[in-house]
């Protein structure tokens, strides 16, 4: 059972780690848009890379039994490659879904009770949907590529002449 792709222990551990990264991404992107004149896509991009730092260390510590390995450099290179794909899914997926939702249903907002803060529901749900797609992609790629010795790192070093 430990070698199964979707075993319960790894999936639960990864979900908790990913949820922490997703919350940090949402928080940073929201703060950047509120406090600075920054575009939605730029805020998503910067928020993603902040959550990348959080995610790497938590994934390494708690998911996939990777904390005792001696292949840290390999894992960092692979983690970065997977994260670039994940960033594209998160940032561009969110932006595309946001644009589609604006066209189909218009801008929907919600005022937080007992405050003056308005939440753009189109942006929020677009980002959550894209992060969900990114979660699935990351889980499979990290489990089958990042934290497994596939020979990829040795081939990459040979290709780059390192």
Protein backbone atom coordinates (compact mmCIF):
# COMPACT_ATOMS: atom_id res chain seq x y z
CA UNK A 1 0.00 0.00 0.00
CA UNK A 2 2.81 2.56 0.62
CA UNK A 3 3.70 2.52 -3.11
CA UNK A 4 0.17 3.36 -4.25
CA UNK A 5 -0.21 6.77 -5.87
CA UNK A 6 -3.18 7.85 -3.77
CA UNK A 7 -2.53 6.21 -0.40
CA UNK A 8 -4.38 7.82 2.48
CA UNK A 9 -1.43 8.82 4.67
CA UNK A 10 0.47 10.67 1.92
CA UNK A 11 -2.68 12.29 0.58
CA UNK A 12 -3.75 13.61 3.99
CA UNK A 13 -0.24 14.86 4.83
CA UNK A 14 0.10 16.53 1.45
CA UNK A 15 -3.38 18.09 1.70
CA UNK A 16 -2.50 19.69 5.06
CA UNK A 17 0.79 21.01 3.67
CA UNK A 18 -0.90 22.26 0.49
CA UNK A 19 -3.67 23.94 2.48
CA UNK A 20 -1.03 25.84 4.46
CA UNK A 21 0.61 26.92 1.20
CA UNK A 22 -2.75 27.87 -0.32
CA UNK A 23 -3.68 29.99 2.68
CA UNK A 24 -0.32 31.77 2.60
CA UNK A 25 -0.78 32.34 -1.15
CA UNK A 26 -4.27 33.79 -0.65
CA UNK A 27 -3.10 35.98 2.22
CA UNK A 28 -0.05 37.40 0.44
CA UNK A 29 -1.91 37.98 -2.86
CA UNK A 30 -4.76 39.72 -1.03
CA UNK A 31 -2.46 41.94 1.01
CA UNK A 32 -0.46 42.90 -2.07
CA UNK A 33 -3.61 43.91 -3.96
CA UNK A 34 -4.98 45.85 -0.98
CA UNK A 35 -1.84 47.71 0.04
CA UNK A 36 -0.05 48.26 -3.27
CA UNK A 37 -1.04 49.15 -6.81
CA UNK A 38 -0.32 45.72 -8.21
CA UNK A 39 -2.27 43.74 -10.79
CA UNK A 40 -4.23 40.60 -9.98
CA UNK A 41 -1.83 38.41 -11.99
CA UNK A 42 1.27 39.95 -10.38
CA UNK A 43 -0.18 39.49 -6.90
CA UNK A 44 -0.96 35.84 -7.70
CA UNK A 45 2.57 35.34 -8.99
CA UNK A 46 4.24 36.85 -5.92
CA UNK A 47 1.84 35.06 -3.57
CA UNK A 48 2.60 31.79 -5.31
CA UNK A 49 6.35 32.11 -4.84
CA UNK A 50 5.93 32.98 -1.17
CA UNK A 51 3.84 29.84 -0.72
CA UNK A 52 6.53 27.94 -2.68
CA UNK A 53 9.01 28.57 0.13
CA UNK A 54 6.49 27.49 2.76
CA UNK A 55 5.49 24.46 0.71
CA UNK A 56 8.97 23.14 0.02
CA UNK A 57 9.97 22.93 3.65
CA UNK A 58 6.64 21.56 4.84
CA UNK A 59 6.45 19.00 2.01
CA UNK A 60 9.97 17.85 2.72
CA UNK A 61 9.28 17.55 6.45
CA UNK A 62 5.81 16.03 6.48
CA UNK A 63 4.86 14.50 3.14
CA UNK A 64 6.24 11.53 1.23
CA UNK A 65 8.84 10.48 3.87
CA UNK A 66 11.45 12.77 2.29
CA UNK A 67 12.96 14.25 5.45
CA UNK A 68 15.61 11.55 5.95
CA UNK A 69 16.93 11.50 2.42
CA UNK A 70 20.43 12.50 1.37
CA UNK A 71 19.31 13.81 -2.02
CA UNK A 72 18.37 17.38 -1.03
CA UNK A 73 19.93 19.07 -4.07
CA UNK A 74 18.14 16.71 -6.44
CA UNK A 75 14.86 17.28 -4.67
CA UNK A 76 15.24 21.07 -4.75
CA UNK A 77 15.87 21.05 -8.52
CA UNK A 78 12.89 18.75 -9.12
CA UNK A 79 10.71 20.73 -6.71
CA UNK A 80 11.49 23.94 -8.60
CA UNK A 81 10.62 22.34 -11.96
CA UNK A 82 7.28 21.07 -10.63
CA UNK A 83 6.66 24.45 -8.99
CA UNK A 84 7.15 26.32 -12.26
CA UNK A 85 4.41 24.21 -13.84
CA UNK A 86 2.24 24.71 -10.77
CA UNK A 87 2.81 28.47 -10.90
CA UNK A 88 1.63 28.56 -14.51
CA UNK A 89 -1.49 26.56 -13.61
CA UNK A 90 -2.23 28.78 -10.59
CA UNK A 91 -1.52 32.21 -12.08
CA UNK A 92 -2.79 31.78 -15.62
CA UNK A 93 -5.59 29.41 -14.63
CA UNK A 94 -6.84 31.97 -12.10
CA UNK A 95 -6.58 34.84 -14.59
CA UNK A 96 -8.41 32.90 -17.31
CA UNK A 97 -11.17 31.74 -14.95
CA UNK A 98 -11.52 35.29 -13.59
CA UNK A 99 -11.92 36.73 -17.10
CA UNK A 100 -14.45 34.05 -18.05
CA UNK A 101 -16.47 34.58 -14.87
CA UNK A 102 -16.52 38.37 -15.44
CA UNK A 103 -17.90 37.86 -18.94
CA UNK A 104 -20.47 35.21 -18.02
CA UNK A 105 -21.83 36.47 -14.69
CA UNK A 106 -20.30 39.90 -14.10
CA UNK A 107 -18.41 40.95 -10.99
CA UNK A 108 -19.75 39.47 -7.76
CA UNK A 109 -18.72 40.95 -4.43
CA UNK A 110 -19.43 40.17 -0.81
CA UNK A 111 -18.99 42.54 2.12
CA UNK A 112 -17.56 40.87 5.19
CA UNK A 113 -20.08 41.26 8.04
CA UNK A 114 -19.27 44.03 10.55
CA UNK A 115 -16.60 45.50 8.25
CA UNK A 116 -16.23 47.59 5.14
CA UNK A 117 -14.07 45.02 3.34
CA UNK A 118 -15.50 43.85 0.03
CA UNK A 119 -14.34 40.50 -1.31
CA UNK A 120 -14.31 39.98 -5.07
CA UNK A 121 -15.87 36.52 -5.31
CA UNK A 122 -14.82 36.08 -8.95
CA UNK A 123 -11.15 36.45 -8.00
CA UNK A 124 -11.49 34.32 -4.87
CA UNK A 125 -13.23 31.37 -6.54
CA UNK A 126 -11.02 31.59 -9.65
CA UNK A 127 -7.92 31.39 -7.48
CA UNK A 128 -9.31 28.53 -5.38
CA UNK A 129 -10.26 26.53 -8.51
CA UNK A 130 -6.83 27.03 -10.09
CA UNK A 131 -5.10 26.10 -6.81
CA UNK A 132 -7.20 22.91 -6.74
CA UNK A 133 -5.97 21.95 -10.21
CA UNK A 134 -2.44 22.82 -9.14
CA UNK A 135 -2.85 20.66 -6.00
CA UNK A 136 -3.67 17.57 -8.07
CA UNK A 137 -0.80 18.19 -10.46
CA UNK A 138 1.66 18.82 -7.61
CA UNK A 139 0.61 15.77 -5.61
CA UNK A 140 1.18 13.39 -8.50
CA UNK A 141 4.40 15.04 -9.70
CA UNK A 142 5.96 15.39 -6.25
CA UNK A 143 5.11 11.82 -5.32
CA UNK A 144 6.21 10.28 -8.63
CA UNK A 145 9.04 12.65 -9.59
CA UNK A 146 10.35 15.07 -6.95
CA UNK A 147 10.77 12.76 -3.97
CA UNK A 148 11.61 9.62 -5.92
CA UNK A 149 14.91 8.75 -7.53
CA UNK A 150 14.02 8.66 -11.24
CA UNK A 151 17.46 9.26 -12.75
CA UNK A 152 16.24 12.64 -14.05
CA UNK A 153 18.72 14.66 -12.00
CA UNK A 154 21.70 12.64 -13.28
CA UNK A 155 20.53 13.08 -16.89
CA UNK A 156 20.04 16.83 -16.31
CA UNK A 157 23.54 17.21 -14.83
CA UNK A 158 25.00 15.32 -17.79
CA UNK A 159 23.07 17.51 -20.25
CA UNK A 160 24.25 20.71 -18.52
CA UNK A 161 27.82 19.40 -18.15
CA UNK A 162 27.82 19.72 -14.38
